[in-house]
Structure formats: structure tokens, C-alpha cells
Amino acid sequence: MKINTGFSSLSFLKTLKTKGAIKYEEKSIPVFVYQLDKEEDLAQIASLEKEKDWEDSYYLPDMIRYRKEYLEDGLSIYTLEDKNENTLSFCLTDESPFNLKINLLETAPKLSRYNKDRVTRFVGETMITSMALVAKSKNKNLFIQGVANRPKTRDFYFSLCKFSPFGKENAILKKRTIPKLVQSNEKHTGQKVELIG
């Protein structure tokens, strides 16, 4: 599909927010982060339960069940997709005066760091980098609500993505640290994440 950043059709309502890259078998592969704007876009989330890469997903059942309510409550849903519109990651965000808060974020289990046989890398990091740039464009920090107490998850946020602990369970990426994350992601993936809209 040809990506069009300026216009949308009736069948393509989601909004392109960033473009960046991930690594697949050590090659840089372009990816795109979209905000799902309309109820019609949410069918894309429901279709993930049929995808092999999403088997054993932790957050997907809640995303499918409550996706309409999330939008009605003013929360934002983002997806990270490859050029074939395969959803590799999604996140749910909320905003406060000083923070863009990620309520949940998940990478397809077959593509995550918990799958030792994966050949696709930096999906989660590229999604976090994209959300950090969205936060920075709004002059906000990026805040993670409830970091799971699992070693690989904590390492992902605090070592790889440069967050700082905030209380016992949360994490924060200050606005001033966002450029370091962007540089690190570019080094890992071979392409800088760019904010589109």
C-alpha cells in the first residue's frame, strides 16, 4: 500500500503519526505508527486475535473487549505497522497536563524479547520512541503506568529505553531525555523515527 500522509479515504481513517524502522534478520525495515481515530479503525485490533504472531497475547483480549469504550473515554490507541499493514505493536495512552501516559503497550508475542527465537527486533523500542516524540510535540514527559515486575520488561524500560523509576511501579521518560532515546533507536534500527503529524 502506498502511504499517503496528506489525505485519507473512507477506508483509511487512521492518522499517520511517525515513521521509523525495526530490524528483520539484521535488515532495516520501515514501519509506521498510526493513531486509530474512528470506531471503524478498531476492527483492525479485533482481527489480531486470528494472527499467529499475537497468540498468547497478554493485553489483546482487553483491547478487543474495551476498544470502543477506550475511544469514548478519550483515550488514544496507536498501532505500529509494517508496509503491509501488519500490526506489530499497539498501545493505549491517556494525557495529563504534564505527561503522555501509556496505560498499556504490547508487542506481538512472537516478535517480543520474550521469544528467544525471534528474528525481528526493536519493535517495542520503535513504538516507545514514537510515543516519546508524540509526547515531546505536546511538551510532555512520557509516563508508563505500572511497569510489569518481570526482569526483561524492566530492562526494556530502564536500560534500553532510558526511563527512570517513578514510585514503586511506574516509569517516566523526561522531555530532556527523549533525544537520547531517539539517537539510540536510530543506532539500533538504522533509521531515525520522524514525527509526521
N, C-alpha and C. Protein backbone atom coordinates (compact mmCIF):
# COMPACT_ATOMS: atom_id res chain seq x y z
N MET A 1 0.84 -1.18 0.00
CA MET A 1 0.00 0.00 0.00
C MET A 1 0.88 1.24 0.00
N LYS A 2 0.51 2.20 -0.75
CA LYS A 2 1.23 3.48 -0.77
C LYS A 2 0.75 4.33 0.40
N ILE A 3 1.69 4.80 1.20
CA ILE A 3 1.34 5.62 2.35
C ILE A 3 1.11 7.05 1.89
N ASN A 4 -0.02 7.60 2.26
CA ASN A 4 -0.36 8.97 1.89
C ASN A 4 -0.50 9.77 3.17
N THR A 5 0.39 10.72 3.40
CA THR A 5 0.39 11.46 4.65
C THR A 5 -0.54 12.65 4.65
N GLY A 6 -1.07 13.03 3.53
CA GLY A 6 -1.86 14.25 3.48
C GLY A 6 -3.36 14.05 3.40
N PHE A 7 -3.80 12.92 2.94
CA PHE A 7 -5.22 12.71 2.71
C PHE A 7 -5.64 11.37 3.30
N SER A 8 -6.93 11.18 3.47
CA SER A 8 -7.44 9.88 3.89
C SER A 8 -8.68 9.56 3.08
N SER A 9 -8.93 8.30 2.90
CA SER A 9 -10.13 7.87 2.21
C SER A 9 -11.09 7.30 3.25
N LEU A 10 -12.27 6.92 2.81
CA LEU A 10 -13.23 6.36 3.75
C LEU A 10 -12.74 5.06 4.34
N SER A 11 -11.90 4.32 3.62
CA SER A 11 -11.43 3.03 4.12
C SER A 11 -10.10 3.16 4.86
N PHE A 12 -9.59 4.39 4.99
CA PHE A 12 -8.28 4.56 5.61
C PHE A 12 -8.34 5.81 6.48
N LEU A 13 -8.93 5.64 7.68
CA LEU A 13 -9.22 6.79 8.52
C LEU A 13 -8.14 7.06 9.56
N LYS A 14 -7.31 6.09 9.84
CA LYS A 14 -6.30 6.27 10.88
C LYS A 14 -5.29 7.33 10.46
N THR A 15 -4.66 7.95 11.44
CA THR A 15 -3.75 9.05 11.19
C THR A 15 -2.30 8.61 11.36
N LEU A 16 -1.49 8.84 10.36
CA LEU A 16 -0.06 8.54 10.45
C LEU A 16 0.59 9.52 11.41
N LYS A 17 1.27 9.01 12.44
CA LYS A 17 1.92 9.85 13.45
C LYS A 17 3.44 9.88 13.30
N THR A 18 4.05 8.71 13.07
CA THR A 18 5.50 8.65 12.91
C THR A 18 5.87 7.60 11.88
N LYS A 19 7.08 7.72 11.38
CA LYS A 19 7.66 6.64 10.59
C LYS A 19 9.05 6.39 11.13
N GLY A 20 9.46 5.13 11.08
CA GLY A 20 10.75 4.72 11.61
C GLY A 20 11.14 3.38 11.03
N ALA A 21 11.82 2.57 11.82
CA ALA A 21 12.26 1.26 11.32
C ALA A 21 12.41 0.28 12.48
N ILE A 22 12.43 -0.98 12.11
CA ILE A 22 12.79 -2.08 13.00
C ILE A 22 13.85 -2.88 12.27
N LYS A 23 14.35 -3.92 12.91
CA LYS A 23 15.31 -4.81 12.25
C LYS A 23 14.65 -6.17 12.03
N TYR A 24 14.80 -6.68 10.83
CA TYR A 24 14.35 -8.03 10.49
C TYR A 24 15.53 -8.74 9.85
N GLU A 25 15.99 -9.79 10.52
CA GLU A 25 17.18 -10.52 10.06
C GLU A 25 18.31 -9.55 9.74
N GLU A 26 18.52 -8.60 10.64
CA GLU A 26 19.60 -7.60 10.57
C GLU A 26 19.41 -6.56 9.46
N LYS A 27 18.26 -6.58 8.77
CA LYS A 27 17.97 -5.55 7.76
C LYS A 27 17.00 -4.54 8.34
N SER A 28 17.18 -3.29 7.97
CA SER A 28 16.30 -2.22 8.41
C SER A 28 15.01 -2.26 7.58
N ILE A 29 13.87 -2.36 8.29
CA ILE A 29 12.56 -2.46 7.65
C ILE A 29 11.72 -1.26 8.08
N PRO A 30 11.14 -0.52 7.13
CA PRO A 30 10.32 0.64 7.53
C PRO A 30 9.04 0.23 8.25
N VAL A 31 8.67 1.03 9.25
CA VAL A 31 7.41 0.84 9.97
C VAL A 31 6.76 2.20 10.18
N PHE A 32 5.48 2.16 10.52
CA PHE A 32 4.67 3.37 10.64
C PHE A 32 3.80 3.26 11.88
N VAL A 33 3.68 4.33 12.63
CA VAL A 33 2.79 4.37 13.79
C VAL A 33 1.58 5.22 13.44
N TYR A 34 0.40 4.64 13.66
CA TYR A 34 -0.86 5.29 13.37
C TYR A 34 -1.67 5.47 14.64
N GLN A 35 -2.45 6.53 14.68
CA GLN A 35 -3.45 6.69 15.72
C GLN A 35 -4.78 6.26 15.11
N LEU A 36 -5.48 5.37 15.81
CA LEU A 36 -6.78 4.92 15.35
C LEU A 36 -7.81 5.95 15.80
N ASP A 37 -8.39 6.64 14.84
CA ASP A 37 -9.23 7.79 15.13
C ASP A 37 -10.71 7.49 15.25
N LYS A 38 -11.18 6.52 14.53
CA LYS A 38 -12.62 6.27 14.42
C LYS A 38 -12.94 4.85 14.85
N GLU A 39 -14.20 4.66 15.18
CA GLU A 39 -14.66 3.34 15.58
C GLU A 39 -14.39 2.30 14.49
N GLU A 40 -14.49 2.72 13.22
CA GLU A 40 -14.25 1.81 12.11
C GLU A 40 -12.82 1.26 12.12
N ASP A 41 -11.88 2.08 12.60
CA ASP A 41 -10.48 1.64 12.66
C ASP A 41 -10.28 0.49 13.63
N LEU A 42 -11.17 0.36 14.60
CA LEU A 42 -10.97 -0.59 15.69
C LEU A 42 -11.12 -2.04 15.25
N ALA A 43 -11.73 -2.27 14.09
CA ALA A 43 -11.82 -3.64 13.57
C ALA A 43 -10.43 -4.23 13.39
N GLN A 44 -9.46 -3.39 13.10
CA GLN A 44 -8.08 -3.83 12.93
C GLN A 44 -7.56 -4.50 14.21
N ILE A 45 -7.91 -3.96 15.37
CA ILE A 45 -7.48 -4.54 16.65
C ILE A 45 -8.14 -5.90 16.85
N ALA A 46 -9.43 -6.00 16.57
CA ALA A 46 -10.15 -7.26 16.74
C ALA A 46 -9.59 -8.36 15.86
N SER A 47 -9.10 -8.00 14.67
CA SER A 47 -8.59 -9.02 13.74
C SER A 47 -7.28 -9.64 14.22
N LEU A 48 -6.62 -9.02 15.18
CA LEU A 48 -5.32 -9.55 15.64
C LEU A 48 -5.44 -10.90 16.35
N GLU A 49 -6.61 -11.19 16.92
CA GLU A 49 -6.74 -12.46 17.63
C GLU A 49 -6.61 -13.66 16.70
N LYS A 50 -6.71 -13.45 15.40
CA LYS A 50 -6.56 -14.53 14.43
C LYS A 50 -5.12 -14.66 13.92
N GLU A 51 -4.24 -13.73 14.31
CA GLU A 51 -2.87 -13.71 13.82
C GLU A 51 -1.96 -14.57 14.69
N LYS A 52 -1.12 -15.40 14.05
CA LYS A 52 -0.21 -16.27 14.80
C LYS A 52 0.77 -15.49 15.66
N ASP A 53 1.24 -14.34 15.16
CA ASP A 53 2.19 -13.55 15.93
C ASP A 53 1.60 -13.04 17.24
N TRP A 54 0.27 -12.98 17.32
CA TRP A 54 -0.40 -12.45 18.50
C TRP A 54 -0.92 -13.53 19.44
N GLU A 55 -0.63 -14.80 19.15
CA GLU A 55 -1.05 -15.88 20.06
C GLU A 55 -0.39 -15.67 21.43
N ASP A 56 -1.13 -15.96 22.48
CA ASP A 56 -0.67 -15.82 23.87
C ASP A 56 -0.44 -14.36 24.27
N SER A 57 -1.14 -13.44 23.63
CA SER A 57 -1.05 -12.03 23.98
C SER A 57 -1.65 -11.79 25.37
N TYR A 58 -1.04 -10.89 26.11
CA TYR A 58 -1.49 -10.57 27.46
C TYR A 58 -2.59 -9.51 27.45
N TYR A 59 -2.39 -8.42 26.69
CA TYR A 59 -3.32 -7.29 26.71
C TYR A 59 -4.36 -7.31 25.60
N LEU A 60 -4.14 -8.10 24.57
CA LEU A 60 -5.05 -8.08 23.43
C LEU A 60 -6.51 -8.36 23.78
N PRO A 61 -6.82 -9.34 24.65
CA PRO A 61 -8.24 -9.56 24.98
C PRO A 61 -8.93 -8.31 25.54
N ASP A 62 -8.24 -7.56 26.40
CA ASP A 62 -8.83 -6.32 26.93
C ASP A 62 -8.97 -5.27 25.84
N MET A 63 -7.97 -5.17 24.96
CA MET A 63 -8.05 -4.20 23.87
C MET A 63 -9.25 -4.49 22.97
N ILE A 64 -9.47 -5.76 22.69
CA ILE A 64 -10.60 -6.14 21.85
C ILE A 64 -11.93 -5.85 22.57
N ARG A 65 -11.99 -6.22 23.82
CA ARG A 65 -13.23 -6.08 24.59
C ARG A 65 -13.61 -4.62 24.83
N TYR A 66 -12.62 -3.78 25.16
CA TYR A 66 -12.92 -2.42 25.59
C TYR A 66 -12.52 -1.34 24.60
N ARG A 67 -12.13 -1.71 23.39
CA ARG A 67 -11.58 -0.72 22.45
C ARG A 67 -12.53 0.43 22.19
N LYS A 68 -13.80 0.15 22.01
CA LYS A 68 -14.77 1.22 21.75
C LYS A 68 -14.91 2.13 22.96
N GLU A 69 -14.97 1.53 24.16
CA GLU A 69 -15.07 2.32 25.39
C GLU A 69 -13.83 3.18 25.60
N TYR A 70 -12.66 2.65 25.24
CA TYR A 70 -11.43 3.43 25.38
C TYR A 70 -11.52 4.72 24.56
N LEU A 71 -11.94 4.60 23.31
CA LEU A 71 -12.07 5.80 22.48
C LEU A 71 -13.13 6.74 23.04
N GLU A 72 -14.26 6.20 23.46
CA GLU A 72 -15.33 7.03 24.02
C GLU A 72 -14.88 7.77 25.27
N ASP A 73 -13.95 7.17 26.03
CA ASP A 73 -13.44 7.79 27.25
C ASP A 73 -12.30 8.77 26.99
N GLY A 74 -11.97 9.00 25.72
CA GLY A 74 -10.95 9.97 25.38
C GLY A 74 -9.53 9.43 25.37
N LEU A 75 -9.38 8.12 25.49
CA LEU A 75 -8.05 7.52 25.40
C LEU A 75 -7.66 7.39 23.93
N SER A 76 -6.38 7.26 23.67
CA SER A 76 -5.89 7.12 22.29
C SER A 76 -5.28 5.75 22.09
N ILE A 77 -5.54 5.17 20.93
CA ILE A 77 -5.00 3.86 20.56
C ILE A 77 -4.08 4.05 19.37
N TYR A 78 -2.86 3.52 19.49
CA TYR A 78 -1.86 3.60 18.43
C TYR A 78 -1.44 2.20 18.02
N THR A 79 -1.11 2.05 16.75
CA THR A 79 -0.57 0.78 16.25
C THR A 79 0.74 1.05 15.52
N LEU A 80 1.66 0.13 15.62
CA LEU A 80 2.89 0.16 14.83
C LEU A 80 2.74 -0.93 13.79
N GLU A 81 2.88 -0.54 12.51
CA GLU A 81 2.61 -1.46 11.40
C GLU A 81 3.75 -1.45 10.40
N ASP A 82 3.89 -2.58 9.70
CA ASP A 82 4.83 -2.62 8.60
C ASP A 82 4.16 -2.11 7.33
N LYS A 83 4.87 -2.12 6.22
CA LYS A 83 4.31 -1.56 4.98
C LYS A 83 3.12 -2.34 4.45
N ASN A 84 2.94 -3.59 4.92
CA ASN A 84 1.80 -4.40 4.51
C ASN A 84 0.62 -4.29 5.47
N GLU A 85 0.70 -3.31 6.38
CA GLU A 85 -0.35 -3.05 7.36
C GLU A 85 -0.51 -4.15 8.40
N ASN A 86 0.53 -4.96 8.62
CA ASN A 86 0.53 -5.93 9.70
C ASN A 86 0.81 -5.19 11.00
N THR A 87 -0.04 -5.38 12.00
CA THR A 87 0.14 -4.72 13.29
C THR A 87 1.17 -5.50 14.10
N LEU A 88 2.26 -4.83 14.46
CA LEU A 88 3.36 -5.45 15.21
C LEU A 88 3.32 -5.08 16.68
N SER A 89 2.67 -3.96 17.00
CA SER A 89 2.59 -3.48 18.38
C SER A 89 1.41 -2.53 18.48
N PHE A 90 0.87 -2.38 19.70
CA PHE A 90 -0.15 -1.38 19.94
C PHE A 90 0.05 -0.79 21.32
N CYS A 91 -0.51 0.39 21.52
CA CYS A 91 -0.50 0.97 22.87
C CYS A 91 -1.73 1.83 23.07
N LEU A 92 -2.06 2.02 24.33
CA LEU A 92 -3.19 2.81 24.76
C LEU A 92 -2.65 3.94 25.62
N THR A 93 -3.02 5.19 25.29
CA THR A 93 -2.49 6.33 26.03
C THR A 93 -3.59 7.23 26.56
N ASP A 94 -3.21 7.99 27.56
CA ASP A 94 -4.06 8.99 28.17
C ASP A 94 -3.17 10.21 28.42
N GLU A 95 -3.76 11.36 28.60
CA GLU A 95 -2.96 12.57 28.82
C GLU A 95 -3.32 13.26 30.11
N SER A 96 -2.31 13.82 30.75
CA SER A 96 -2.48 14.71 31.89
C SER A 96 -1.76 16.00 31.53
N PRO A 97 -1.83 17.02 32.37
CA PRO A 97 -1.18 18.28 31.99
C PRO A 97 0.32 18.18 31.69
N PHE A 98 1.01 17.26 32.35
CA PHE A 98 2.47 17.19 32.18
C PHE A 98 2.96 15.92 31.50
N ASN A 99 2.10 14.93 31.34
CA ASN A 99 2.54 13.63 30.84
C ASN A 99 1.62 13.07 29.76
N LEU A 100 2.24 12.36 28.81
CA LEU A 100 1.52 11.44 27.95
C LEU A 100 1.71 10.09 28.62
N LYS A 101 0.64 9.49 29.07
CA LYS A 101 0.72 8.28 29.87
C LYS A 101 0.37 7.06 29.04
N ILE A 102 1.26 6.08 29.03
CA ILE A 102 0.97 4.81 28.38
C ILE A 102 0.34 3.89 29.42
N ASN A 103 -0.94 3.57 29.19
CA ASN A 103 -1.66 2.69 30.10
C ASN A 103 -1.33 1.23 29.83
N LEU A 104 -1.14 0.91 28.57
CA LEU A 104 -0.68 -0.44 28.21
C LEU A 104 0.00 -0.38 26.86
N LEU A 105 0.95 -1.26 26.70
CA LEU A 105 1.70 -1.38 25.45
C LEU A 105 2.05 -2.83 25.27
N GLU A 106 1.88 -3.33 24.07
CA GLU A 106 2.25 -4.72 23.81
C GLU A 106 2.80 -4.87 22.40
N THR A 107 3.85 -5.65 22.31
CA THR A 107 4.40 -6.08 21.02
C THR A 107 3.88 -7.49 20.79
N ALA A 108 3.61 -7.84 19.55
CA ALA A 108 3.17 -9.20 19.24
C ALA A 108 4.11 -10.19 19.91
N PRO A 109 3.58 -11.14 20.69
CA PRO A 109 4.43 -12.04 21.46
C PRO A 109 5.52 -12.75 20.65
N LYS A 110 5.24 -13.10 19.42
CA LYS A 110 6.25 -13.78 18.60
C LYS A 110 7.39 -12.85 18.20
N LEU A 111 7.18 -11.53 18.33
CA LEU A 111 8.19 -10.54 17.95
C LEU A 111 8.85 -9.88 19.16
N SER A 112 8.44 -10.26 20.35
CA SER A 112 8.94 -9.59 21.55
C SER A 112 10.21 -10.24 22.08
N ARG A 113 10.84 -9.57 23.01
CA ARG A 113 12.09 -10.06 23.58
C ARG A 113 11.88 -11.32 24.41
N TYR A 114 10.64 -11.68 24.70
CA TYR A 114 10.35 -12.91 25.42
C TYR A 114 10.41 -14.14 24.51
N ASN A 115 10.46 -13.94 23.21
CA ASN A 115 10.61 -15.05 22.26
C ASN A 115 12.08 -15.12 21.87
N LYS A 116 12.78 -16.10 22.40
CA LYS A 116 14.24 -16.19 22.17
C LYS A 116 14.57 -16.52 20.72
N ASP A 117 13.62 -17.00 19.93
CA ASP A 117 13.87 -17.37 18.53
C ASP A 117 13.49 -16.27 17.54
N ARG A 118 13.15 -15.11 18.01
CA ARG A 118 12.69 -14.05 17.11
C ARG A 118 13.82 -13.57 16.19
N VAL A 119 13.42 -13.15 14.99
CA VAL A 119 14.38 -12.55 14.05
C VAL A 119 14.04 -11.08 13.82
N THR A 120 12.93 -10.64 14.38
CA THR A 120 12.51 -9.24 14.30
C THR A 120 12.87 -8.58 15.63
N ARG A 121 13.51 -7.41 15.54
CA ARG A 121 13.97 -6.75 16.77
C ARG A 121 13.62 -5.26 16.76
N PHE A 122 13.57 -4.71 17.95
CA PHE A 122 13.37 -3.27 18.20
C PHE A 122 11.96 -2.77 17.88
N VAL A 123 10.98 -3.68 17.86
CA VAL A 123 9.59 -3.26 17.63
C VAL A 123 9.11 -2.39 18.79
N GLY A 124 9.27 -2.90 20.01
CA GLY A 124 8.84 -2.15 21.19
C GLY A 124 9.58 -0.84 21.35
N GLU A 125 10.88 -0.88 21.09
CA GLU A 125 11.69 0.34 21.22
C GLU A 125 11.24 1.41 20.21
N THR A 126 10.94 0.99 19.00
CA THR A 126 10.48 1.96 18.00
C THR A 126 9.11 2.52 18.37
N MET A 127 8.24 1.68 18.93
CA MET A 127 6.94 2.17 19.40
C MET A 127 7.12 3.18 20.54
N ILE A 128 7.97 2.86 21.50
CA ILE A 128 8.21 3.78 22.62
C ILE A 128 8.83 5.08 22.11
N THR A 129 9.76 4.98 21.17
CA THR A 129 10.39 6.19 20.61
C THR A 129 9.35 7.05 19.91
N SER A 130 8.45 6.42 19.19
CA SER A 130 7.37 7.16 18.53
C SER A 130 6.49 7.86 19.54
N MET A 131 6.12 7.16 20.61
CA MET A 131 5.27 7.77 21.63
C MET A 131 6.01 8.90 22.36
N ALA A 132 7.32 8.74 22.52
CA ALA A 132 8.12 9.80 23.15
C ALA A 132 8.11 11.07 22.29
N LEU A 133 8.19 10.90 20.97
CA LEU A 133 8.14 12.07 20.09
C LEU A 133 6.76 12.71 20.09
N VAL A 134 5.71 11.91 20.17
CA VAL A 134 4.36 12.46 20.29
C VAL A 134 4.26 13.26 21.60
N ALA A 135 4.80 12.70 22.69
CA ALA A 135 4.79 13.41 23.98
C ALA A 135 5.56 14.72 23.88
N LYS A 136 6.74 14.66 23.28
CA LYS A 136 7.57 15.86 23.17
C LYS A 136 6.88 16.94 22.34
N SER A 137 6.15 16.54 21.29
CA SER A 137 5.44 17.51 20.45
C SER A 137 4.35 18.24 21.24
N LYS A 138 3.92 17.64 22.34
CA LYS A 138 2.89 18.24 23.21
C LYS A 138 3.52 18.85 24.47
N ASN A 139 4.87 18.90 24.47
CA ASN A 139 5.62 19.44 25.61
C ASN A 139 5.34 18.65 26.89
N LYS A 140 5.33 17.32 26.76
CA LYS A 140 5.03 16.45 27.90
C LYS A 140 6.11 15.39 28.06
N ASN A 141 6.20 14.84 29.26
CA ASN A 141 7.03 13.66 29.53
C ASN A 141 6.25 12.43 29.07
N LEU A 142 6.96 11.31 28.92
CA LEU A 142 6.29 10.04 28.63
C LEU A 142 6.28 9.24 29.92
N PHE A 143 5.11 8.79 30.32
CA PHE A 143 4.91 8.13 31.61
C PHE A 143 4.36 6.73 31.37
N ILE A 144 4.93 5.75 32.05
CA ILE A 144 4.43 4.37 31.95
C ILE A 144 3.70 4.03 33.23
N GLN A 145 2.45 3.68 33.08
CA GLN A 145 1.61 3.29 34.22
C GLN A 145 1.81 1.81 34.51
N GLY A 146 2.44 1.47 35.62
CA GLY A 146 2.55 0.08 36.06
C GLY A 146 3.46 -0.77 35.20
N VAL A 147 4.77 -0.61 35.37
CA VAL A 147 5.74 -1.47 34.67
C VAL A 147 5.67 -2.87 35.29
N ALA A 148 5.46 -3.87 34.45
CA ALA A 148 5.38 -5.25 34.95
C ALA A 148 6.68 -5.61 35.65
N ASN A 149 6.56 -6.31 36.75
CA ASN A 149 7.73 -6.69 37.54
C ASN A 149 8.34 -7.99 36.99
N ARG A 150 8.81 -7.89 35.74
CA ARG A 150 9.49 -9.02 35.10
C ARG A 150 10.84 -8.50 34.63
N PRO A 151 11.91 -9.26 34.82
CA PRO A 151 13.26 -8.75 34.51
C PRO A 151 13.41 -8.20 33.09
N LYS A 152 12.92 -8.90 32.08
CA LYS A 152 13.09 -8.41 30.70
C LYS A 152 12.29 -7.14 30.44
N THR A 153 11.13 -7.04 31.06
CA THR A 153 10.31 -5.83 30.89
C THR A 153 10.98 -4.65 31.56
N ARG A 154 11.45 -4.85 32.78
CA ARG A 154 12.13 -3.76 33.50
C ARG A 154 13.41 -3.35 32.77
N ASP A 155 14.15 -4.30 32.24
CA ASP A 155 15.36 -4.00 31.48
C ASP A 155 15.01 -3.19 30.23
N PHE A 156 13.91 -3.56 29.58
CA PHE A 156 13.46 -2.84 28.38
C PHE A 156 13.24 -1.36 28.68
N TYR A 157 12.46 -1.07 29.72
CA TYR A 157 12.15 0.33 30.02
C TYR A 157 13.34 1.09 30.62
N PHE A 158 14.00 0.49 31.60
CA PHE A 158 15.00 1.24 32.36
C PHE A 158 16.40 1.23 31.73
N SER A 159 16.76 0.18 31.04
CA SER A 159 18.09 0.14 30.41
C SER A 159 18.02 0.53 28.93
N LEU A 160 17.21 -0.17 28.17
CA LEU A 160 17.15 0.07 26.73
C LEU A 160 16.50 1.41 26.40
N CYS A 161 15.38 1.74 27.03
CA CYS A 161 14.62 2.93 26.65
C CYS A 161 14.87 4.14 27.55
N LYS A 162 15.74 4.01 28.54
CA LYS A 162 16.24 5.16 29.32
C LYS A 162 15.21 5.83 30.23
N PHE A 163 14.19 5.09 30.66
CA PHE A 163 13.23 5.61 31.63
C PHE A 163 13.85 5.64 33.01
N SER A 164 13.28 6.44 33.88
CA SER A 164 13.65 6.48 35.30
C SER A 164 12.48 5.94 36.11
N PRO A 165 12.76 5.24 37.22
CA PRO A 165 11.66 4.78 38.07
C PRO A 165 10.88 5.98 38.62
N PHE A 166 9.58 5.81 38.79
CA PHE A 166 8.72 6.84 39.36
C PHE A 166 7.79 6.13 40.33
N GLY A 167 8.08 6.24 41.61
CA GLY A 167 7.34 5.45 42.60
C GLY A 167 7.76 4.00 42.52
N LYS A 168 6.93 3.11 43.04
CA LYS A 168 7.28 1.69 43.10
C LYS A 168 7.05 0.96 41.78
N GLU A 169 6.04 1.38 41.01
CA GLU A 169 5.64 0.59 39.85
C GLU A 169 5.72 1.31 38.52
N ASN A 170 5.92 2.60 38.52
CA ASN A 170 5.82 3.39 37.30
C ASN A 170 7.19 3.81 36.77
N ALA A 171 7.19 4.38 35.57
CA ALA A 171 8.42 4.86 34.96
C ALA A 171 8.13 6.16 34.22
N ILE A 172 9.16 7.01 34.11
CA ILE A 172 9.00 8.28 33.42
C ILE A 172 10.21 8.54 32.54
N LEU A 173 9.93 9.04 31.35
CA LEU A 173 10.97 9.50 30.43
C LEU A 173 10.80 11.00 30.32
N LYS A 174 11.71 11.74 30.92
CA LYS A 174 11.63 13.20 30.92
C LYS A 174 11.86 13.74 29.50
N LYS A 175 11.25 14.88 29.23
CA LYS A 175 11.37 15.51 27.90
C LYS A 175 12.84 15.66 27.48
N ARG A 176 13.70 16.01 28.42
CA ARG A 176 15.11 16.25 28.08
C ARG A 176 15.85 14.97 27.71
N THR A 177 15.31 13.81 28.07
CA THR A 177 15.95 12.52 27.77
C THR A 177 15.49 11.94 26.44
N ILE A 178 14.40 12.45 25.90
CA ILE A 178 13.84 11.91 24.66
C ILE A 178 14.84 11.91 23.51
N PRO A 179 15.64 12.96 23.29
CA PRO A 179 16.62 12.91 22.19
C PRO A 179 17.62 11.75 22.32
N LYS A 180 17.98 11.36 23.54
CA LYS A 180 18.89 10.21 23.73
C LYS A 180 18.24 8.92 23.25
N LEU A 181 16.95 8.76 23.56
CA LEU A 181 16.22 7.58 23.11
C LEU A 181 16.13 7.56 21.59
N VAL A 182 15.84 8.71 20.98
CA VAL A 182 15.74 8.79 19.52
C VAL A 182 17.07 8.40 18.87
N GLN A 183 18.18 8.89 19.41
CA GLN A 183 19.51 8.55 18.88
C GLN A 183 19.81 7.07 19.04
N SER A 184 19.46 6.52 20.19
CA SER A 184 19.71 5.10 20.46
C SER A 184 18.91 4.22 19.50
N ASN A 185 17.64 4.58 19.28
CA ASN A 185 16.80 3.81 18.37
C ASN A 185 17.34 3.89 16.94
N GLU A 186 17.80 5.06 16.53
CA GLU A 186 18.38 5.20 15.20
C GLU A 186 19.61 4.32 15.03
N LYS A 187 20.42 4.26 16.07
CA LYS A 187 21.62 3.40 16.03
C LYS A 187 21.23 1.93 15.91
N HIS A 188 20.17 1.53 16.62
CA HIS A 188 19.73 0.13 16.60
C HIS A 188 19.07 -0.27 15.29
N THR A 189 18.29 0.65 14.71
CA THR A 189 17.45 0.28 13.56
C THR A 189 17.98 0.79 12.22
N GLY A 190 18.88 1.74 12.26
CA GLY A 190 19.42 2.30 11.02
C GLY A 190 18.59 3.42 10.42
N GLN A 191 17.52 3.83 11.13
CA GLN A 191 16.68 4.92 10.63
C GLN A 191 16.12 5.70 11.80
N LYS A 192 16.11 7.00 11.68
CA LYS A 192 15.59 7.86 12.74
C LYS A 192 14.07 7.90 12.69
N VAL A 193 13.43 7.79 13.85
CA VAL A 193 11.98 7.95 13.91
C VAL A 193 11.65 9.41 13.67
N GLU A 194 10.71 9.65 12.75
CA GLU A 194 10.31 11.00 12.39
C GLU A 194 8.84 11.21 12.75
N LEU A 195 8.56 12.33 13.39
CA LEU A 195 7.18 12.71 13.70
C LEU A 195 6.54 13.26 12.43
N ILE A 196 5.34 12.75 12.11
CA ILE A 196 4.64 13.18 10.89
C ILE A 196 3.50 14.13 11.24
N GLY A 197 2.67 13.76 12.17
CA GLY A 197 1.52 14.60 12.48
C GLY A 197 1.09 14.48 13.91
